Amino acid sequence: MVRKELNAIDDEINAWKDTYEIESLTELRQSIGSDDLTGDERRERLLVSTGGAGRVPRGA
């Protein structure tokens, strides 16, 4: 059971790394301030970086 949950977390982390082209949670948080992003993109990254929307990050 625990192994399955850990694998799911790993899959989720890899998904946001690919989606946002970053390598760490810190980098995801730093990207929120990018001038290249729309307001909606910033809000989405903020939500993901705080573990919202069914996502994992919280210190990942």
Protein backbone atom coordinates (compact mmCIF):
# COMPACT_ATOMS: atom_id res chain seq x y z
CA MET A 1 0.00 0.00 0.00
CA VAL A 2 2.69 2.50 0.97
CA ARG A 3 4.83 1.61 -2.04
CA LYS A 4 1.85 2.23 -4.34
CA GLU A 5 1.27 5.66 -2.78
CA LEU A 6 4.96 6.56 -3.08
CA ASN A 7 4.92 5.56 -6.74
CA ALA A 8 1.85 7.74 -7.32
CA ILE A 9 3.59 10.68 -5.65
CA ASP A 10 6.70 10.14 -7.77
CA ASP A 11 4.56 10.05 -10.92
CA GLU A 12 2.86 13.29 -9.94
CA ILE A 13 6.17 15.04 -9.23
CA ASN A 14 7.56 13.92 -12.58
CA ALA A 15 4.40 15.19 -14.28
CA TRP A 16 4.75 18.72 -12.93
CA LYS A 17 8.46 18.73 -13.69
CA ASP A 18 7.65 17.90 -17.32
CA THR A 19 4.65 20.23 -17.52
CA TYR A 20 6.45 23.27 -16.14
CA GLU A 21 9.95 22.40 -17.41
CA ILE A 22 11.54 22.64 -13.98
CA GLU A 23 13.67 20.35 -11.82
CA SER A 24 12.53 21.18 -8.29
CA LEU A 25 9.71 22.56 -6.20
CA THR A 26 11.87 25.61 -5.48
CA GLU A 27 12.28 26.24 -9.19
CA LEU A 28 8.51 25.89 -9.68
CA ARG A 29 7.90 28.49 -6.97
CA GLN A 30 10.49 30.83 -8.45
CA SER A 31 8.89 30.53 -11.88
CA ILE A 32 5.65 32.03 -10.57
CA GLY A 33 7.18 35.50 -10.82
CA SER A 34 8.18 35.11 -14.46
CA ASP A 35 7.12 37.99 -16.70
CA ASP A 36 6.51 35.44 -19.47
CA LEU A 37 3.46 33.96 -17.69
CA THR A 38 -0.15 35.07 -17.80
CA GLY A 39 -2.08 35.60 -14.59
CA ASP A 40 -3.83 32.26 -15.07
CA GLU A 41 -0.49 30.47 -15.55
CA ARG A 42 0.86 32.05 -12.36
CA ARG A 43 -2.23 31.05 -10.40
CA GLU A 44 -1.98 27.47 -11.69
CA ARG A 45 1.69 27.20 -10.70
CA LEU A 46 0.93 28.68 -7.30
CA LEU A 47 -1.88 26.20 -6.77
CA VAL A 48 0.33 23.28 -7.80
CA SER A 49 3.28 24.52 -5.70
CA THR A 50 1.12 24.55 -2.58
CA GLY A 51 -0.30 21.10 -3.17
CA GLY A 52 -3.68 22.29 -4.40
CA ALA A 53 -5.75 20.86 -7.25
CA GLY A 54 -5.00 17.29 -6.21
CA ARG A 55 -1.28 17.82 -6.72
CA VAL A 56 1.56 16.65 -4.51
CA PRO A 57 4.36 19.21 -4.12
CA ARG A 58 4.46 20.33 -0.45
CA GLY A 59 8.21 20.00 -0.02
CA ALA A 60 8.64 17.41 -2.75
